[in-house]
Amino acid sequence: MKNKFALLLLVVSLGLFQLSAQTEFGVKGGMNFTFFKVVENDFGANPETEIGYYGGIFVDFKIDKGFHFQPELLYIGLNDFRFINAPLYLKYDVDYNLHILVGPSINYFPDFFNAKIKIRADLSLAYDIIPAIDVHMKYTIGFEEISPNGLFLGLGYKF
């Protein structure tokens, strides 16, 4: 019985070590330019385009050679308007330092009375300046009238 438990513990430990060797954690942040399709709420002085900020965390899971799964959790602010953005990216290494990320983006808008969750599509490019720091740009496409399009520019840091 002790041998089976020791073997199970060894297998689990090796599995966690392997997972941690292929997993990177990090933080990211920057500025965003949001382009609203309609003027239905008070988004500020210029309802067509607003400049804001974002910041959050990400986890990069290596799947196979050149492919990763990278979920993120970002807090986005536009003047008095705030929401949570959770992209679920499939990441492809074009080159050692250049990456393409695509996937859906789940957004939670706590200030709205109905339809607080919106789905958007993201397309992103990231370039590793050094292995721990990247510069990234993403474009987000909103599918509904109140779900805006956005351009994000920022930096990421991997621990």
C-alpha atoms as a PDB file:
ATOM      1  CA  MET A   1       0.000   0.000   0.000  1.00  0.00           C
ATOM      2  CA  LYS A   2       2.846   2.385   0.870  1.00  0.00           C
ATOM      3  CA  ASN A   3       4.567   1.583  -2.435  1.00  0.00           C
ATOM      4  CA  LYS A   4       1.427   2.413  -4.436  1.00  0.00           C
ATOM      5  CA  PHE A   5       1.024   5.693  -2.565  1.00  0.00           C
ATOM      6  CA  ALA A   6       4.707   6.558  -3.092  1.00  0.00           C
ATOM      7  CA  LEU A   7       4.429   5.720  -6.797  1.00  0.00           C
ATOM      8  CA  LEU A   8       1.264   7.827  -7.133  1.00  0.00           C
ATOM      9  CA  LEU A   9       2.949  10.722  -5.333  1.00  0.00           C
ATOM     10  CA  LEU A  10       5.984  10.440  -7.643  1.00  0.00           C
ATOM     11  CA  VAL A  11       3.809  10.412 -10.791  1.00  0.00           C
ATOM     12  CA  VAL A  12       1.756  13.415  -9.607  1.00  0.00           C
ATOM     13  CA  SER A  13       4.922  15.322  -8.658  1.00  0.00           C
ATOM     14  CA  LEU A  14       6.520  14.659 -12.045  1.00  0.00           C
ATOM     15  CA  GLY A  15       3.307  15.682 -13.800  1.00  0.00           C
ATOM     16  CA  LEU A  16       3.131  18.952 -11.868  1.00  0.00           C
ATOM     17  CA  PHE A  17       6.809  19.598 -12.534  1.00  0.00           C
ATOM     18  CA  GLN A  18       6.259  18.977 -16.268  1.00  0.00           C
ATOM     19  CA  LEU A  19       3.199  21.273 -16.286  1.00  0.00           C
ATOM     20  CA  SER A  20       5.036  24.031 -14.438  1.00  0.00           C
ATOM     21  CA  ALA A  21       7.979  23.721 -16.858  1.00  0.00           C
ATOM     22  CA  GLN A  22       5.591  24.386 -19.757  1.00  0.00           C
ATOM     23  CA  THR A  23       3.512  27.096 -18.036  1.00  0.00           C
ATOM     24  CA  GLU A  24       4.355  30.779 -17.726  1.00  0.00           C
ATOM     25  CA  PHE A  25       2.565  33.371 -15.614  1.00  0.00           C
ATOM     26  CA  GLY A  26       2.637  37.090 -16.156  1.00  0.00           C
ATOM     27  CA  VAL A  27       1.123  40.535 -15.931  1.00  0.00           C
ATOM     28  CA  LYS A  28       0.259  42.962 -18.701  1.00  0.00           C
ATOM     29  CA  GLY A  29      -1.042  46.455 -19.081  1.00  0.00           C
ATOM     30  CA  GLY A  30      -1.237  49.444 -21.336  1.00  0.00           C
ATOM     31  CA  MET A  31      -3.675  51.755 -23.053  1.00  0.00           C
ATOM     32  CA  ASN A  32      -6.688  51.062 -25.184  1.00  0.00           C
ATOM     33  CA  PHE A  33      -8.560  52.981 -27.832  1.00  0.00           C
ATOM     34  CA  THR A  34     -12.243  52.058 -27.857  1.00  0.00           C
ATOM     35  CA  PHE A  35     -14.470  52.753 -30.849  1.00  0.00           C
ATOM     36  CA  PHE A  36     -18.179  52.811 -30.027  1.00  0.00           C
ATOM     37  CA  LYS A  37     -20.728  51.971 -32.721  1.00  0.00           C
ATOM     38  CA  VAL A  38     -23.696  53.835 -31.196  1.00  0.00           C
ATOM     39  CA  VAL A  39     -24.353  56.548 -28.643  1.00  0.00           C
ATOM     40  CA  GLU A  40     -26.763  54.899 -26.185  1.00  0.00           C
ATOM     41  CA  ASN A  41     -24.992  55.646 -22.915  1.00  0.00           C
ATOM     42  CA  ASP A  42     -22.775  58.375 -21.554  1.00  0.00           C
ATOM     43  CA  PHE A  43     -19.268  57.204 -22.480  1.00  0.00           C
ATOM     44  CA  GLY A  44     -17.674  60.620 -22.080  1.00  0.00           C
ATOM     45  CA  ALA A  45     -17.237  63.822 -24.050  1.00  0.00           C
ATOM     46  CA  ASN A  46     -16.511  62.058 -27.361  1.00  0.00           C
ATOM     47  CA  PRO A  47     -18.747  58.953 -27.563  1.00  0.00           C
ATOM     48  CA  GLU A  48     -17.181  57.719 -30.808  1.00  0.00           C
ATOM     49  CA  THR A  49     -13.631  57.092 -29.513  1.00  0.00           C
ATOM     50  CA  GLU A  50     -12.346  56.894 -25.945  1.00  0.00           C
ATOM     51  CA  ILE A  51      -8.835  56.341 -24.627  1.00  0.00           C
ATOM     52  CA  GLY A  52      -8.461  54.234 -21.507  1.00  0.00           C
ATOM     53  CA  TYR A  53      -6.208  51.800 -19.737  1.00  0.00           C
ATOM     54  CA  TYR A  54      -6.067  48.098 -18.967  1.00  0.00           C
ATOM     55  CA  GLY A  55      -4.145  45.783 -16.705  1.00  0.00           C
ATOM     56  CA  GLY A  56      -4.288  42.193 -15.636  1.00  0.00           C
ATOM     57  CA  ILE A  57      -2.784  38.728 -15.522  1.00  0.00           C
ATOM     58  CA  PHE A  58      -2.245  35.853 -17.951  1.00  0.00           C
ATOM     59  CA  VAL A  59      -1.194  32.211 -17.977  1.00  0.00           C
ATOM     60  CA  ASP A  60       0.561  30.668 -20.991  1.00  0.00           C
ATOM     61  CA  PHE A  61       0.158  26.878 -21.319  1.00  0.00           C
ATOM     62  CA  LYS A  62       2.374  25.239 -23.936  1.00  0.00           C
ATOM     63  CA  ILE A  63       0.298  22.699 -25.888  1.00  0.00           C
ATOM     64  CA  ASP A  64       2.584  21.488 -28.649  1.00  0.00           C
ATOM     65  CA  LYS A  65       5.520  22.749 -30.690  1.00  0.00           C
ATOM     66  CA  GLY A  66       4.626  26.344 -31.532  1.00  0.00           C
ATOM     67  CA  PHE A  67       1.099  26.260 -30.050  1.00  0.00           C
ATOM     68  CA  HIS A  68      -0.082  27.595 -26.686  1.00  0.00           C
ATOM     69  CA  PHE A  69      -3.335  28.272 -24.843  1.00  0.00           C
ATOM     70  CA  GLN A  70      -3.266  31.675 -23.116  1.00  0.00           C
ATOM     71  CA  PRO A  71      -6.230  32.803 -20.996  1.00  0.00           C
ATOM     72  CA  GLU A  72      -6.132  36.320 -19.564  1.00  0.00           C
ATOM     73  CA  LEU A  73      -8.093  38.359 -17.045  1.00  0.00           C
ATOM     74  CA  LEU A  74      -7.983  42.112 -17.650  1.00  0.00           C
ATOM     75  CA  TYR A  75      -9.547  45.124 -15.934  1.00  0.00           C
ATOM     76  CA  ILE A  76     -10.411  47.884 -18.423  1.00  0.00           C
ATOM     77  CA  GLY A  77     -11.176  51.512 -17.596  1.00  0.00           C
ATOM     78  CA  LEU A  78     -12.606  54.214 -19.856  1.00  0.00           C
ATOM     79  CA  ASN A  79     -13.234  57.392 -17.845  1.00  0.00           C
ATOM     80  CA  ASP A  80     -15.969  56.324 -15.356  1.00  0.00           C
ATOM     81  CA  PHE A  81     -16.832  53.176 -17.339  1.00  0.00           C
ATOM     82  CA  ARG A  82     -15.212  49.907 -16.171  1.00  0.00           C
ATOM     83  CA  PHE A  83     -15.451  46.265 -17.240  1.00  0.00           C
ATOM     84  CA  ILE A  84     -13.701  42.893 -17.035  1.00  0.00           C
ATOM     85  CA  ASN A  85     -12.245  41.293 -20.178  1.00  0.00           C
ATOM     86  CA  ALA A  86     -11.316  37.579 -20.304  1.00  0.00           C
ATOM     87  CA  PRO A  87      -9.733  36.579 -23.631  1.00  0.00           C
ATOM     88  CA  LEU A  88      -9.159  32.870 -24.349  1.00  0.00           C
ATOM     89  CA  TYR A  89      -6.344  32.789 -26.885  1.00  0.00           C
ATOM     90  CA  LEU A  90      -4.865  30.141 -29.100  1.00  0.00           C
ATOM     91  CA  LYS A  91      -1.277  31.367 -29.470  1.00  0.00           C
ATOM     92  CA  TYR A  92       1.000  30.438 -32.353  1.00  0.00           C
ATOM     93  CA  ASP A  93       4.744  31.117 -32.445  1.00  0.00           C
ATOM     94  CA  VAL A  94       5.408  32.557 -35.912  1.00  0.00           C
ATOM     95  CA  ASP A  95       9.046  33.014 -35.013  1.00  0.00           C
ATOM     96  CA  TYR A  96      11.049  32.718 -31.807  1.00  0.00           C
ATOM     97  CA  ASN A  97      10.014  36.265 -30.753  1.00  0.00           C
ATOM     98  CA  LEU A  98       6.798  36.847 -32.763  1.00  0.00           C
ATOM     99  CA  HIS A  99       3.416  35.409 -31.785  1.00  0.00           C
ATOM    100  CA  ILE A 100      -0.141  35.544 -33.163  1.00  0.00           C
ATOM    101  CA  LEU A 101      -3.021  35.167 -30.704  1.00  0.00           C
ATOM    102  CA  VAL A 102      -6.663  34.637 -31.728  1.00  0.00           C
ATOM    103  CA  GLY A 103      -9.779  33.713 -29.848  1.00  0.00           C
ATOM    104  CA  PRO A 104     -13.003  34.787 -28.220  1.00  0.00           C
ATOM    105  CA  SER A 105     -13.103  37.440 -25.556  1.00  0.00           C
ATOM    106  CA  ILE A 106     -15.697  37.264 -22.774  1.00  0.00           C
ATOM    107  CA  ASN A 107     -16.587  40.649 -21.324  1.00  0.00           C
ATOM    108  CA  TYR A 108     -18.496  41.455 -18.150  1.00  0.00           C
ATOM    109  CA  PHE A 109     -20.080  44.918 -17.941  1.00  0.00           C
ATOM    110  CA  PRO A 110     -21.234  45.476 -14.331  1.00  0.00           C
ATOM    111  CA  ASP A 111     -22.817  48.892 -15.064  1.00  0.00           C
ATOM    112  CA  PHE A 112     -25.479  47.639 -17.480  1.00  0.00           C
ATOM    113  CA  PHE A 113     -28.931  46.515 -16.321  1.00  0.00           C
ATOM    114  CA  ASN A 114     -29.360  43.769 -18.931  1.00  0.00           C
ATOM    115  CA  ALA A 115     -27.065  41.675 -21.123  1.00  0.00           C
ATOM    116  CA  LYS A 116     -24.039  42.197 -18.883  1.00  0.00           C
ATOM    117  CA  ILE A 117     -21.948  39.571 -20.685  1.00  0.00           C
ATOM    118  CA  LYS A 118     -20.795  40.155 -24.249  1.00  0.00           C
ATOM    119  CA  ILE A 119     -18.651  37.995 -26.518  1.00  0.00           C
ATOM    120  CA  ARG A 120     -16.102  39.610 -28.803  1.00  0.00           C
ATOM    121  CA  ALA A 121     -13.377  38.327 -31.128  1.00  0.00           C
ATOM    122  CA  ASP A 122      -9.705  39.174 -30.587  1.00  0.00           C
ATOM    123  CA  LEU A 123      -6.725  39.173 -32.912  1.00  0.00           C
ATOM    124  CA  SER A 124      -3.387  39.984 -31.320  1.00  0.00           C
ATOM    125  CA  LEU A 125       0.313  40.194 -32.138  1.00  0.00           C
ATOM    126  CA  ALA A 126       3.042  39.981 -29.495  1.00  0.00           C
ATOM    127  CA  TYR A 127       6.768  40.497 -29.895  1.00  0.00           C
ATOM    128  CA  ASP A 128       9.240  39.426 -27.197  1.00  0.00           C
ATOM    129  CA  ILE A 129      11.753  42.245 -26.680  1.00  0.00           C
ATOM    130  CA  ILE A 130      13.580  39.941 -24.269  1.00  0.00           C
ATOM    131  CA  PRO A 131      12.276  36.543 -23.069  1.00  0.00           C
ATOM    132  CA  ALA A 132      10.540  38.087 -20.032  1.00  0.00           C
ATOM    133  CA  ILE A 133       9.105  41.256 -21.666  1.00  0.00           C
ATOM    134  CA  ASP A 134       6.842  41.587 -24.681  1.00  0.00           C
ATOM    135  CA  VAL A 135       5.154  44.404 -26.504  1.00  0.00           C
ATOM    136  CA  HIS A 136       1.695  43.527 -27.776  1.00  0.00           C
ATOM    137  CA  MET A 137      -1.155  44.902 -29.822  1.00  0.00           C
ATOM    138  CA  LYS A 138      -4.654  43.468 -30.108  1.00  0.00           C
ATOM    139  CA  TYR A 139      -7.768  44.410 -31.989  1.00  0.00           C
ATOM    140  CA  THR A 140     -11.115  43.445 -30.507  1.00  0.00           C
ATOM    141  CA  ILE A 141     -14.284  43.229 -32.603  1.00  0.00           C
ATOM    142  CA  GLY A 142     -17.639  43.717 -30.887  1.00  0.00           C
ATOM    143  CA  PHE A 143     -20.565  41.850 -32.430  1.00  0.00           C
ATOM    144  CA  GLU A 144     -23.399  43.875 -30.894  1.00  0.00           C
ATOM    145  CA  GLU A 145     -24.245  47.560 -30.928  1.00  0.00           C
ATOM    146  CA  ILE A 146     -23.162  48.272 -27.367  1.00  0.00           C
ATOM    147  CA  SER A 147     -20.110  45.987 -27.470  1.00  0.00           C
ATOM    148  CA  PRO A 148     -17.401  48.284 -28.832  1.00  0.00           C
ATOM    149  CA  ASN A 149     -14.378  47.563 -30.994  1.00  0.00           C
ATOM    150  CA  GLY A 150     -11.009  48.337 -29.449  1.00  0.00           C
ATOM    151  CA  LEU A 151      -7.297  48.605 -30.110  1.00  0.00           C
ATOM    152  CA  PHE A 152      -4.971  47.715 -27.215  1.00  0.00           C
ATOM    153  CA  LEU A 153      -1.272  48.593 -27.010  1.00  0.00           C
ATOM    154  CA  GLY A 154       0.847  47.496 -24.071  1.00  0.00           C
ATOM    155  CA  LEU A 155       3.604  45.554 -22.376  1.00  0.00           C
ATOM    156  CA  GLY A 156       3.647  42.129 -20.765  1.00  0.00           C
ATOM    157  CA  TYR A 157       6.015  40.694 -18.166  1.00  0.00           C
ATOM    158  CA  LYS A 158       6.500  36.937 -17.604  1.00  0.00           C
ATOM    159  CA  PHE A 159       7.602  35.765 -14.142  1.00  0.00           C
END
